[in-house]
Amino acid sequence: MFKINVGGTCNVLLAALDAGVKSIVYTSSVATLGIHPNVPVSDEETSVSYEDMIGAYKQSKFLAEQEVMALVKKGAPVVIVNPSAPVGPRDIKPTPTGQMILDAAQGKMPAYVDTGLNVVHVEDAAEGHLQAYEKGVIGERYILGGENLTLLQILTLITKYVNRRPPSIKLPQKALLPIAYAAEFASRLTGNWEPFVTADGVKMSTKLMYFSSEKARKRLGYKSRSAQEAIADSIDWYRANGYFK
């Protein structure tokens, strides 16, 4: 992750500059932003440090963004966007968020933890990139998000759309942590499947990952549709492309 997210970012930006590219939009992540118990909704200015980053993904994205800002100070024409959790069509792998939607829609998530995240329609995030390219200020960051929802609210939207009951069992994060370590160990041992829960994921779930896109709305003209529509579009695409078993 560090080679790709940090080294790869620097390589691409330096190559772009050598080629004479006049404007660059760098896709960061809300994972690099600050989250504090006394700040209900974070924005681009919420304080944060490397020590706040949990796991290799967050750490590598944080360092990559630092490298981008260092290049900006040297004259690189870069605008930064920080998408939240993208949801919608064409999530081929699927991503972790997409897998959660797919599992919940198929009745494979009977329990939940007390956490929350910001859900954005992937097409709104894409449009936000174009708006940042056209109207963004060099060196500025713009959160491209949607709705802030608890995990239970998200799972309820998913299950309601497919006529299933939402999960009724609430699990404490402390109980999940040893299970996550065991799943990761088994995954490394076999090497042919991804753990259904990770330790980093459990640790991150103790924080409400709520963000504001107000800056992007005011300065870029950014708009986002409802999480319900994003989830519906995601499920429809999975169903149409044979992901439901």
Protein backbone atom coordinates (compact mmCIF):
# COMPACT_ATOMS: atom_id res chain seq x y z
CA MET A 1 0.00 0.00 0.00
CA PHE A 2 2.82 2.41 0.81
CA LYS A 3 4.59 1.71 -2.50
CA ILE A 4 1.38 2.30 -4.45
CA ASN A 5 -0.29 5.09 -2.48
CA VAL A 6 2.82 7.09 -1.56
CA GLY A 7 5.50 6.16 -4.10
CA GLY A 8 2.99 5.69 -6.92
CA THR A 9 1.37 9.05 -6.26
CA CYS A 10 4.73 10.83 -6.38
CA ASN A 11 5.73 9.00 -9.58
CA VAL A 12 2.51 9.92 -11.38
CA LEU A 13 2.58 13.56 -10.28
CA LEU A 14 6.23 14.01 -11.23
CA ALA A 15 5.61 12.38 -14.62
CA ALA A 16 2.61 14.66 -15.16
CA LEU A 17 4.70 17.72 -14.34
CA ASP A 18 7.48 16.57 -16.67
CA ALA A 19 4.85 16.19 -19.42
CA GLY A 20 3.68 19.76 -18.88
CA VAL A 21 0.28 18.98 -17.37
CA LYS A 22 -1.30 22.27 -16.30
CA SER A 23 -3.96 21.05 -13.86
CA ILE A 24 -4.16 17.94 -11.68
CA VAL A 25 -6.90 16.56 -9.42
CA TYR A 26 -5.56 14.16 -6.81
CA THR A 27 -7.97 11.64 -5.30
CA SER A 28 -7.25 11.38 -1.59
CA SER A 29 -9.81 10.07 0.93
CA VAL A 30 -11.77 11.14 4.00
CA ALA A 31 -9.55 8.55 5.70
CA THR A 32 -6.88 11.26 5.96
CA LEU A 33 -9.13 13.68 7.85
CA GLY A 34 -9.48 14.23 11.58
CA ILE A 35 -12.20 12.56 13.66
CA HIS A 36 -12.77 13.71 17.24
CA PRO A 37 -15.41 12.72 19.85
CA ASN A 38 -16.19 16.38 20.53
CA VAL A 39 -16.58 17.21 16.81
CA PRO A 40 -19.79 15.55 15.53
CA VAL A 41 -19.04 16.22 11.84
CA SER A 42 -15.51 16.68 10.50
CA ASP A 43 -14.44 18.93 7.64
CA GLU A 44 -11.26 19.81 5.74
CA GLU A 45 -9.91 21.84 8.66
CA THR A 46 -10.46 19.34 11.50
CA SER A 47 -7.09 18.76 13.17
CA VAL A 48 -5.35 15.46 12.47
CA SER A 49 -1.94 13.80 12.75
CA TYR A 50 -0.26 10.64 11.47
CA GLU A 51 -0.74 9.07 14.91
CA ASP A 52 -4.51 9.24 14.35
CA MET A 53 -4.27 6.97 11.30
CA ILE A 54 -5.37 3.37 11.94
CA GLY A 55 -3.91 0.75 9.61
CA ALA A 56 -1.77 0.77 6.47
CA TYR A 57 -4.45 2.18 4.17
CA LYS A 58 -5.08 5.31 6.24
CA GLN A 59 -1.39 5.75 7.00
CA SER A 60 -0.36 5.47 3.35
CA LYS A 61 -3.10 7.82 2.13
CA PHE A 62 -2.16 10.35 4.81
CA LEU A 63 1.52 10.28 3.80
CA ALA A 64 0.59 10.47 0.11
CA GLU A 65 -1.45 13.60 0.74
CA GLN A 66 1.50 15.11 2.61
CA GLU A 67 3.71 14.42 -0.41
CA VAL A 68 1.14 16.07 -2.69
CA MET A 69 1.07 19.18 -0.50
CA ALA A 70 4.88 19.31 -0.54
CA LEU A 71 4.81 19.30 -4.35
CA VAL A 72 2.13 22.01 -4.34
CA LYS A 73 4.48 24.23 -2.33
CA LYS A 74 7.04 23.68 -5.11
CA GLY A 75 4.56 24.81 -7.75
CA ALA A 76 2.62 21.68 -8.70
CA PRO A 77 -0.92 22.67 -9.88
CA VAL A 78 -2.82 20.13 -7.76
CA VAL A 79 -6.33 20.25 -6.30
CA ILE A 80 -7.17 17.56 -3.72
CA VAL A 81 -10.52 15.82 -3.35
CA ASN A 82 -11.47 13.59 -0.42
CA PRO A 83 -14.33 11.24 -1.34
CA SER A 84 -16.18 9.40 1.42
CA ALA A 85 -17.56 5.84 1.01
CA PRO A 86 -18.61 5.52 -2.67
CA VAL A 87 -21.69 3.46 -3.46
CA GLY A 88 -23.32 2.72 -6.79
CA PRO A 89 -23.08 0.91 -10.14
CA ARG A 90 -20.01 -0.84 -11.57
CA ASP A 91 -18.40 -1.76 -8.25
CA ILE A 92 -16.85 -4.81 -9.87
CA LYS A 93 -14.61 -6.21 -7.11
CA PRO A 94 -16.73 -5.22 -4.97
CA THR A 95 -15.15 -2.67 -2.63
CA PRO A 96 -15.60 -3.26 1.13
CA THR A 97 -18.61 -0.92 1.16
CA GLY A 98 -20.09 -2.65 -1.87
CA GLN A 99 -19.52 -6.07 -0.30
CA MET A 100 -21.36 -4.91 2.80
CA ILE A 101 -24.33 -3.89 0.66
CA LEU A 102 -24.25 -7.19 -1.22
CA ASP A 103 -24.03 -9.24 1.99
CA ALA A 104 -26.84 -7.33 3.71
CA ALA A 105 -29.06 -7.60 0.64
CA GLN A 106 -28.58 -11.38 0.67
CA GLY A 107 -29.32 -11.75 4.39
CA LYS A 108 -25.71 -12.44 5.38
CA MET A 109 -25.44 -9.69 8.02
CA PRO A 110 -27.57 -10.66 11.03
CA ALA A 111 -25.66 -8.31 13.36
CA TYR A 112 -24.17 -4.83 13.40
CA VAL A 113 -21.87 -2.58 15.42
CA ASP A 114 -22.56 0.91 16.69
CA THR A 115 -20.73 3.00 14.12
CA GLY A 116 -21.49 5.40 11.30
CA LEU A 117 -20.13 6.58 7.99
CA ASN A 118 -20.71 8.98 5.14
CA VAL A 119 -22.19 7.42 2.00
CA VAL A 120 -21.87 9.08 -1.41
CA HIS A 121 -23.21 8.01 -4.80
CA VAL A 122 -20.18 7.15 -6.93
CA GLU A 123 -21.48 9.27 -9.81
CA ASP A 124 -21.73 12.32 -7.54
CA ALA A 125 -18.12 11.76 -6.44
CA ALA A 126 -17.09 11.51 -10.10
CA GLU A 127 -18.91 14.74 -10.92
CA GLY A 128 -17.16 16.35 -7.95
CA HIS A 129 -13.79 15.49 -9.50
CA LEU A 130 -14.75 17.36 -12.69
CA GLN A 131 -15.97 20.33 -10.66
CA ALA A 132 -12.70 20.37 -8.71
CA TYR A 133 -10.79 20.33 -12.00
CA GLU A 134 -12.79 23.27 -13.32
CA LYS A 135 -13.26 25.39 -10.17
CA GLY A 136 -10.92 24.07 -7.47
CA VAL A 137 -8.17 26.20 -5.95
CA ILE A 138 -4.65 24.78 -6.15
CA GLY A 139 -3.58 23.32 -2.81
CA GLU A 140 -7.13 23.21 -1.42
CA ARG A 141 -8.99 20.08 -0.25
CA TYR A 142 -12.64 19.36 -0.94
CA ILE A 143 -14.69 16.61 0.72
CA LEU A 144 -16.92 14.81 -1.77
CA GLY A 145 -19.49 13.15 0.48
CA GLY A 146 -23.17 12.47 0.86
CA GLU A 147 -25.27 11.43 3.85
CA ASN A 148 -24.03 10.71 7.36
CA LEU A 149 -25.76 7.56 8.61
CA THR A 150 -25.31 4.98 11.35
CA LEU A 151 -24.46 1.49 10.18
CA LEU A 152 -27.89 0.30 11.32
CA GLN A 153 -29.58 3.01 9.22
CA ILE A 154 -27.56 1.94 6.19
CA LEU A 155 -28.37 -1.74 6.71
CA THR A 156 -32.04 -0.85 7.17
CA LEU A 157 -32.08 0.99 3.83
CA ILE A 158 -30.48 -2.03 2.14
CA THR A 159 -32.74 -4.67 3.65
CA LYS A 160 -35.88 -2.60 3.13
CA TYR A 161 -35.09 -2.30 -0.58
CA VAL A 162 -34.92 -6.09 -0.97
CA ASN A 163 -37.82 -6.83 1.42
CA ARG A 164 -35.72 -8.31 4.19
CA ARG A 165 -35.62 -7.57 7.90
CA PRO A 166 -32.76 -5.40 9.18
CA PRO A 167 -30.29 -6.99 11.62
CA SER A 168 -31.43 -7.03 15.23
CA ILE A 169 -28.24 -8.09 17.03
CA LYS A 170 -25.91 -5.32 18.19
CA LEU A 171 -22.33 -6.48 18.76
CA PRO A 172 -19.79 -4.65 20.94
CA GLN A 173 -16.53 -3.82 19.15
CA LYS A 174 -14.47 -5.42 21.95
CA ALA A 175 -16.10 -8.77 21.27
CA LEU A 176 -15.30 -8.53 17.55
CA LEU A 177 -11.60 -7.74 17.89
CA PRO A 178 -10.36 -11.27 18.74
CA ILE A 179 -12.59 -12.65 15.96
CA ALA A 180 -11.02 -10.19 13.51
CA TYR A 181 -7.48 -11.24 14.48
CA ALA A 182 -8.44 -14.88 14.04
CA ALA A 183 -10.01 -14.17 10.62
CA GLU A 184 -6.88 -12.32 9.47
CA PHE A 185 -4.65 -15.17 10.64
CA ALA A 186 -6.76 -17.74 8.82
CA SER A 187 -6.74 -15.61 5.69
CA ARG A 188 -2.95 -15.33 5.70
CA LEU A 189 -2.64 -19.04 6.39
CA THR A 190 -4.76 -20.11 3.43
CA GLY A 191 -4.00 -17.17 1.15
CA ASN A 192 -7.10 -17.60 -0.99
CA TRP A 193 -9.81 -15.53 0.72
CA GLU A 194 -10.20 -12.16 2.35
CA PRO A 195 -11.15 -11.94 6.04
CA PHE A 196 -14.82 -11.05 6.57
CA VAL A 197 -13.76 -8.65 9.33
CA THR A 198 -10.39 -7.00 10.01
CA ALA A 199 -8.81 -5.65 13.18
CA ASP A 200 -8.28 -2.24 11.57
CA GLY A 201 -11.92 -2.19 10.54
CA VAL A 202 -13.08 -2.96 14.06
CA LYS A 203 -10.80 -0.29 15.53
CA MET A 204 -12.08 2.30 13.05
CA SER A 205 -15.68 1.37 13.80
CA THR A 206 -15.33 2.86 17.29
CA LYS A 207 -15.47 6.30 15.65
CA LEU A 208 -18.36 7.93 13.79
CA MET A 209 -16.91 8.78 10.38
CA TYR A 210 -19.18 11.75 9.66
CA PHE A 211 -18.07 14.49 7.27
CA SER A 212 -19.36 17.73 5.79
CA SER A 213 -19.21 18.56 2.07
CA GLU A 214 -20.30 22.15 2.62
CA LYS A 215 -17.06 23.60 1.26
CA ALA A 216 -17.42 21.66 -2.00
CA ARG A 217 -21.09 22.67 -2.26
CA LYS A 218 -20.34 26.37 -1.82
CA ARG A 219 -17.17 26.65 -3.85
CA LEU A 220 -17.53 23.95 -6.52
CA GLY A 221 -21.29 23.72 -6.91
CA TYR A 222 -21.12 20.11 -5.71
CA LYS A 223 -24.37 18.20 -5.19
CA SER A 224 -25.09 14.75 -3.78
CA ARG A 225 -28.18 12.58 -3.94
CA SER A 226 -29.63 10.51 -1.09
CA ALA A 227 -27.97 7.42 0.32
CA GLN A 228 -31.20 5.57 -0.42
CA GLU A 229 -30.84 6.26 -4.14
CA ALA A 230 -27.15 5.32 -4.09
CA ILE A 231 -27.90 2.02 -2.36
CA ALA A 232 -30.78 1.24 -4.73
CA ASP A 233 -28.58 1.87 -7.77
CA SER A 234 -25.89 -0.35 -6.27
CA ILE A 235 -28.25 -3.25 -5.57
CA ASP A 236 -29.88 -2.96 -8.99
CA TRP A 237 -26.48 -3.18 -10.67
CA TYR A 238 -25.41 -6.20 -8.59
CA ARG A 239 -28.67 -7.95 -9.37
CA ALA A 240 -28.45 -7.21 -13.10
CA ASN A 241 -24.86 -8.46 -13.28
CA GLY A 242 -25.26 -11.79 -11.50
CA TYR A 243 -23.78 -10.98 -8.09
CA PHE A 244 -26.79 -12.31 -6.18
CA LYS A 245 -26.56 -16.02 -5.37
